[in-house]
Amino acid sequence: QVQLVESGGGSVQAGGSLRLSCAASGGTFSTHVMGWYRQAPGKQREFVAHITSDAITTYADSVKGRFTISRDNAKDIVYLQMNSLKPEDTAVYYCSGLIPYTRIQYWGQGTRVTVSS
């Protein structure tokens, strides 16, 4: 069973940058679709970005051009580089993995990002 541990969250001023990391253990990480989601206070969890095993990426419109998802299969880590952060990016960010050809999705515990104006 794959386990995910996120890190890199914190507080930053608007316009700043953060890089989130998600370390995976216990499974065949390299074959999974990996993604980032976020949940702001009082709102539902929403999709941010994902990356396939062959590095095809997809982004939510709200983060296109500002966020970049990447993965290092040798280290079993997925990253989310966040630039030009806005107060509306404030949320708990969750790493997620999806096992191909199944509906099995697993989650990390989340890391908090706070962007002040």
C-alpha atoms as a PDB file:
ATOM      1  CA  GLN A   1       0.000   0.000   0.000  1.00  0.00           C
ATOM      2  CA  VAL A   2       1.461   3.312  -1.064  1.00  0.00           C
ATOM      3  CA  GLN A   3       1.880   5.997   1.569  1.00  0.00           C
ATOM      4  CA  LEU A   4       2.283   9.683   0.779  1.00  0.00           C
ATOM      5  CA  VAL A   5       3.912  12.368   2.911  1.00  0.00           C
ATOM      6  CA  GLU A   6       3.676  16.015   1.840  1.00  0.00           C
ATOM      7  CA  SER A   7       6.031  18.783   2.896  1.00  0.00           C
ATOM      8  CA  GLY A   8       6.953  22.319   1.918  1.00  0.00           C
ATOM      9  CA  GLY A   9       3.876  24.210   2.979  1.00  0.00           C
ATOM     10  CA  GLY A  10       4.071  27.453   4.883  1.00  0.00           C
ATOM     11  CA  SER A  11       3.204  31.122   4.878  1.00  0.00           C
ATOM     12  CA  VAL A  12       4.203  33.476   2.095  1.00  0.00           C
ATOM     13  CA  GLN A  13       3.221  36.910   0.841  1.00  0.00           C
ATOM     14  CA  ALA A  14       1.307  37.385  -2.376  1.00  0.00           C
ATOM     15  CA  GLY A  15       3.609  37.119  -5.360  1.00  0.00           C
ATOM     16  CA  GLY A  16       5.910  34.699  -3.596  1.00  0.00           C
ATOM     17  CA  SER A  17       6.755  31.076  -4.321  1.00  0.00           C
ATOM     18  CA  LEU A  18       6.682  27.738  -2.565  1.00  0.00           C
ATOM     19  CA  ARG A  19       7.591  24.224  -3.638  1.00  0.00           C
ATOM     20  CA  LEU A  20       5.595  21.345  -2.257  1.00  0.00           C
ATOM     21  CA  SER A  21       7.004  17.840  -2.177  1.00  0.00           C
ATOM     22  CA  CYS A  22       5.220  14.519  -1.862  1.00  0.00           C
ATOM     23  CA  ALA A  23       7.282  11.470  -0.994  1.00  0.00           C
ATOM     24  CA  ALA A  24       5.807   8.063  -1.784  1.00  0.00           C
ATOM     25  CA  SER A  25       6.672   4.732  -0.262  1.00  0.00           C
ATOM     26  CA  GLY A  26       5.400   1.181  -0.380  1.00  0.00           C
ATOM     27  CA  GLY A  27       4.266   0.770  -3.971  1.00  0.00           C
ATOM     28  CA  THR A  28       4.914   1.094  -7.685  1.00  0.00           C
ATOM     29  CA  PHE A  29       4.861   4.876  -7.698  1.00  0.00           C
ATOM     30  CA  SER A  30       6.249   5.238 -11.184  1.00  0.00           C
ATOM     31  CA  THR A  31       3.152   3.751 -12.837  1.00  0.00           C
ATOM     32  CA  HIS A  32       0.612   5.858 -10.957  1.00  0.00           C
ATOM     33  CA  VAL A  33      -0.992   9.117 -11.962  1.00  0.00           C
ATOM     34  CA  MET A  34       0.029  11.597  -9.287  1.00  0.00           C
ATOM     35  CA  GLY A  35      -1.854  14.742  -8.476  1.00  0.00           C
ATOM     36  CA  TRP A  36      -2.284  17.692  -6.194  1.00  0.00           C
ATOM     37  CA  TYR A  37      -5.600  18.861  -4.811  1.00  0.00           C
ATOM     38  CA  ARG A  38      -6.439  21.637  -2.379  1.00  0.00           C
ATOM     39  CA  GLN A  39      -9.136  22.500   0.076  1.00  0.00           C
ATOM     40  CA  ALA A  40      -9.712  26.049   1.221  1.00  0.00           C
ATOM     41  CA  PRO A  41     -11.575  26.811   4.450  1.00  0.00           C
ATOM     42  CA  GLY A  42     -15.286  26.247   3.984  1.00  0.00           C
ATOM     43  CA  LYS A  43     -14.887  24.902   0.454  1.00  0.00           C
ATOM     44  CA  GLN A  44     -14.780  21.523  -1.207  1.00  0.00           C
ATOM     45  CA  ARG A  45     -11.556  19.881  -2.194  1.00  0.00           C
ATOM     46  CA  GLU A  46     -10.588  20.817  -5.753  1.00  0.00           C
ATOM     47  CA  PHE A  47      -8.224  19.554  -8.400  1.00  0.00           C
ATOM     48  CA  VAL A  48      -4.998  21.497  -8.915  1.00  0.00           C
ATOM     49  CA  ALA A  49      -2.798  19.430 -11.232  1.00  0.00           C
ATOM     50  CA  HIS A  50      -1.806  15.927 -12.148  1.00  0.00           C
ATOM     51  CA  ILE A  51       0.974  14.154 -13.982  1.00  0.00           C
ATOM     52  CA  THR A  52       0.889  10.773 -15.652  1.00  0.00           C
ATOM     53  CA  SER A  53       3.573   8.108 -15.554  1.00  0.00           C
ATOM     54  CA  ASP A  54       4.953   9.479 -18.834  1.00  0.00           C
ATOM     55  CA  ALA A  55       4.912  13.061 -17.560  1.00  0.00           C
ATOM     56  CA  ILE A  56       1.809  14.384 -19.296  1.00  0.00           C
ATOM     57  CA  THR A  57       0.485  17.217 -17.160  1.00  0.00           C
ATOM     58  CA  THR A  58      -2.923  18.777 -16.642  1.00  0.00           C
ATOM     59  CA  TYR A  59      -3.742  21.906 -14.641  1.00  0.00           C
ATOM     60  CA  ALA A  60      -6.767  23.644 -13.265  1.00  0.00           C
ATOM     61  CA  ASP A  61      -7.424  26.906 -15.083  1.00  0.00           C
ATOM     62  CA  SER A  62      -6.889  28.836 -11.873  1.00  0.00           C
ATOM     63  CA  VAL A  63      -3.236  27.773 -11.630  1.00  0.00           C
ATOM     64  CA  LYS A  64      -2.170  27.484 -15.265  1.00  0.00           C
ATOM     65  CA  GLY A  65       0.994  29.430 -15.957  1.00  0.00           C
ATOM     66  CA  ARG A  66       1.791  29.775 -12.239  1.00  0.00           C
ATOM     67  CA  PHE A  67       2.104  26.205 -10.940  1.00  0.00           C
ATOM     68  CA  THR A  68       4.222  23.372 -12.300  1.00  0.00           C
ATOM     69  CA  ILE A  69       3.877  19.730 -11.367  1.00  0.00           C
ATOM     70  CA  SER A  70       6.768  17.353 -11.866  1.00  0.00           C
ATOM     71  CA  ARG A  71       7.898  13.945 -10.691  1.00  0.00           C
ATOM     72  CA  ASP A  72      11.130  12.112 -10.012  1.00  0.00           C
ATOM     73  CA  ASN A  73      10.420   8.413 -10.380  1.00  0.00           C
ATOM     74  CA  ALA A  74      13.910   7.477  -9.234  1.00  0.00           C
ATOM     75  CA  LYS A  75      13.225   9.157  -5.877  1.00  0.00           C
ATOM     76  CA  ASP A  76       9.470   8.462  -5.734  1.00  0.00           C
ATOM     77  CA  ILE A  77       8.702  12.146  -5.272  1.00  0.00           C
ATOM     78  CA  VAL A  78       6.221  14.467  -6.930  1.00  0.00           C
ATOM     79  CA  TYR A  79       6.598  18.229  -6.723  1.00  0.00           C
ATOM     80  CA  LEU A  80       4.371  21.239  -7.088  1.00  0.00           C
ATOM     81  CA  GLN A  81       6.232  24.458  -7.815  1.00  0.00           C
ATOM     82  CA  MET A  82       3.939  27.382  -7.034  1.00  0.00           C
ATOM     83  CA  ASN A  83       4.859  30.832  -8.287  1.00  0.00           C
ATOM     84  CA  SER A  84       3.047  34.168  -8.257  1.00  0.00           C
ATOM     85  CA  LEU A  85       0.974  33.007  -5.338  1.00  0.00           C
ATOM     86  CA  LYS A  86      -2.304  34.734  -4.590  1.00  0.00           C
ATOM     87  CA  PRO A  87      -4.339  34.929  -1.374  1.00  0.00           C
ATOM     88  CA  GLU A  88      -6.942  32.705  -3.041  1.00  0.00           C
ATOM     89  CA  ASP A  89      -4.324  29.933  -3.236  1.00  0.00           C
ATOM     90  CA  THR A  90      -4.551  29.623   0.547  1.00  0.00           C
ATOM     91  CA  ALA A  91      -5.592  26.042   1.323  1.00  0.00           C
ATOM     92  CA  VAL A  92      -4.495  22.683   2.576  1.00  0.00           C
ATOM     93  CA  TYR A  93      -2.770  20.948  -0.324  1.00  0.00           C
ATOM     94  CA  TYR A  94      -3.097  17.198  -0.678  1.00  0.00           C
ATOM     95  CA  CYS A  95      -1.021  14.833  -2.729  1.00  0.00           C
ATOM     96  CA  SER A  96      -2.879  11.962  -4.353  1.00  0.00           C
ATOM     97  CA  GLY A  97      -2.094   8.890  -6.374  1.00  0.00           C
ATOM     98  CA  LEU A  98      -4.310   6.969  -8.762  1.00  0.00           C
ATOM     99  CA  ILE A  99      -3.593   3.389  -9.685  1.00  0.00           C
ATOM    100  CA  PRO A 100      -3.976   2.943 -13.454  1.00  0.00           C
ATOM    101  CA  TYR A 101      -7.052   1.061 -14.743  1.00  0.00           C
ATOM    102  CA  THR A 102      -8.653   1.155 -11.299  1.00  0.00           C
ATOM    103  CA  ARG A 103     -10.626   3.662  -9.258  1.00  0.00           C
ATOM    104  CA  ILE A 104      -8.219   3.285  -6.388  1.00  0.00           C
ATOM    105  CA  GLN A 105      -7.064   6.717  -5.237  1.00  0.00           C
ATOM    106  CA  TYR A 106      -4.958   7.295  -2.166  1.00  0.00           C
ATOM    107  CA  TRP A 107      -4.080  10.474  -0.293  1.00  0.00           C
ATOM    108  CA  GLY A 108      -1.475  12.126   1.845  1.00  0.00           C
ATOM    109  CA  GLN A 109      -2.238  13.972   5.060  1.00  0.00           C
ATOM    110  CA  GLY A 110      -1.976  17.457   3.541  1.00  0.00           C
ATOM    111  CA  THR A 111       0.238  20.474   3.963  1.00  0.00           C
ATOM    112  CA  ARG A 112      -1.046  23.966   4.663  1.00  0.00           C
ATOM    113  CA  VAL A 113      -0.278  26.934   2.427  1.00  0.00           C
ATOM    114  CA  THR A 114      -1.171  30.446   3.536  1.00  0.00           C
ATOM    115  CA  VAL A 115      -0.765  33.412   1.210  1.00  0.00           C
ATOM    116  CA  SER A 116      -1.156  36.868   2.712  1.00  0.00           C
ATOM    117  CA  SER A 117      -1.919  40.033   0.787  1.00  0.00           C
END
